[in-house]
Amino acid sequence: FFWAVAAGRAQVQQEPSAETTEGTAISINCSHPNIQTGDMIYWYRQLPGRSPALLVSAHKDSKEVPDPPGRLRVAADRRSSTLWLARPRRRGDAAVYYCLLG
């Protein structure tokens, strides 16, 4: 419930889908134009048949993502963020990626 309220207030918007080939880097974008000063940005990954799992969180700038290898980049004005995956695996990284605030 907390996440639903936060996401609704902040009007988080994501692309409906994104595709790449195995081993080719991909960027997944999230827009959160009404982010509040104290909000953290969270990215989750939900593998098929599994519960969502936290990948990375950040307040500003950028942060390494250890698994899968990549980086979270937060825009200077914090109104958007991008999850960059360096070497996606065809099966292991095929998932739903969620951007949330809180």
Protein backbone atom coordinates (compact mmCIF):
# COMPACT_ATOMS: atom_id res chain seq x y z
CA PHE A 1 0.00 0.00 0.00
CA PHE A 2 2.80 2.40 0.83
CA TRP A 3 4.40 1.86 -2.58
CA ALA A 4 1.09 2.29 -4.40
CA VAL A 5 0.53 5.64 -2.70
CA ALA A 6 4.06 6.82 -3.42
CA ALA A 7 3.93 5.77 -7.06
CA GLY A 8 0.49 7.31 -7.54
CA ARG A 9 1.52 10.64 -6.06
CA ALA A 10 4.72 10.77 -8.03
CA GLN A 11 3.18 9.66 -11.34
CA VAL A 12 5.92 7.20 -12.14
CA GLN A 13 5.93 6.34 -15.82
CA GLN A 14 7.83 3.53 -17.52
CA GLU A 15 8.03 2.26 -21.07
CA PRO A 16 5.62 -0.65 -21.58
CA SER A 17 8.40 -2.89 -22.88
CA ALA A 18 12.01 -2.98 -23.96
CA GLU A 19 13.94 -5.67 -25.78
CA THR A 20 17.54 -6.46 -26.55
CA THR A 21 19.61 -9.42 -27.68
CA GLU A 22 21.75 -11.48 -25.34
CA GLY A 23 24.92 -9.64 -24.39
CA THR A 24 23.81 -6.28 -25.81
CA ALA A 25 23.44 -3.46 -23.29
CA ILE A 26 20.01 -1.98 -22.69
CA SER A 27 18.66 1.10 -20.94
CA ILE A 28 15.29 1.08 -19.17
CA ASN A 29 13.89 4.51 -18.45
CA CYS A 30 11.60 5.76 -15.70
CA SER A 31 10.03 9.21 -15.43
CA HIS A 32 9.06 10.62 -12.04
CA PRO A 33 8.47 14.35 -12.63
CA ASN A 34 6.84 15.04 -9.26
CA ILE A 35 9.49 13.41 -7.09
CA GLN A 36 9.77 14.90 -3.61
CA THR A 37 13.02 16.04 -1.97
CA GLY A 38 13.23 13.13 0.44
CA ASP A 39 12.16 10.41 -1.97
CA MET A 40 14.49 7.54 -2.77
CA ILE A 41 14.38 5.86 -6.17
CA TYR A 42 14.06 2.08 -6.12
CA TRP A 43 14.36 -0.40 -8.96
CA TYR A 44 13.02 -3.92 -8.57
CA ARG A 45 13.22 -6.94 -10.84
CA GLN A 46 10.54 -9.63 -10.95
CA LEU A 47 11.62 -12.85 -12.60
CA PRO A 48 8.89 -15.17 -13.96
CA GLY A 49 7.19 -16.99 -11.13
CA ARG A 50 9.09 -15.06 -8.46
CA SER A 51 8.40 -12.14 -6.13
CA PRO A 52 9.92 -8.73 -6.94
CA ALA A 53 13.47 -8.32 -5.62
CA LEU A 54 15.27 -5.04 -5.01
CA LEU A 55 18.06 -4.40 -7.52
CA VAL A 56 19.27 -0.96 -6.49
CA SER A 57 18.22 2.24 -4.78
CA ALA A 58 19.60 5.75 -5.00
CA HIS A 59 18.81 9.33 -4.12
CA LYS A 60 20.87 11.09 -6.80
CA ASP A 61 23.84 10.72 -9.17
CA SER A 62 24.56 7.14 -10.21
CA LYS A 63 25.14 3.81 -8.56
CA GLU A 64 26.58 0.47 -9.61
CA VAL A 65 24.27 -2.51 -9.92
CA PRO A 66 26.14 -5.71 -9.02
CA ASP A 67 23.76 -8.36 -10.34
CA PRO A 68 22.88 -8.16 -13.12
CA PRO A 69 25.90 -5.96 -13.90
CA GLY A 70 24.92 -2.41 -14.72
CA ARG A 71 24.32 1.05 -13.35
CA LEU A 72 21.47 3.21 -12.15
CA ARG A 73 21.71 6.77 -13.39
CA VAL A 74 19.59 9.51 -11.82
CA ALA A 75 19.07 12.74 -13.74
CA ALA A 76 20.49 15.91 -12.20
CA ASP A 77 16.98 17.21 -11.50
CA ARG A 78 15.93 13.73 -10.22
CA ARG A 79 12.88 13.79 -12.48
CA SER A 80 13.95 10.62 -14.26
CA SER A 81 16.19 7.63 -13.83
CA THR A 82 17.68 5.01 -16.12
CA LEU A 83 18.62 1.44 -15.33
CA TRP A 84 21.44 0.37 -17.64
CA LEU A 85 22.20 -3.34 -17.91
CA ALA A 86 25.61 -4.09 -19.38
CA ARG A 87 25.32 -7.68 -20.55
CA PRO A 88 21.76 -9.00 -20.34
CA ARG A 89 21.34 -12.75 -20.49
CA ARG A 90 18.57 -14.07 -22.68
CA ARG A 91 16.85 -16.07 -19.95
CA GLY A 92 18.37 -14.92 -16.69
CA ASP A 93 17.48 -11.25 -17.09
CA ALA A 94 14.16 -11.52 -18.93
CA ALA A 95 11.89 -10.01 -16.31
CA VAL A 96 9.61 -7.15 -15.31
CA TYR A 97 11.58 -4.17 -14.02
CA TYR A 98 9.79 -1.77 -11.69
CA CYS A 99 10.70 1.78 -10.75
CA LEU A 100 9.27 3.04 -7.45
CA LEU A 101 9.68 5.97 -5.10
CA GLY A 102 9.50 6.14 -1.35
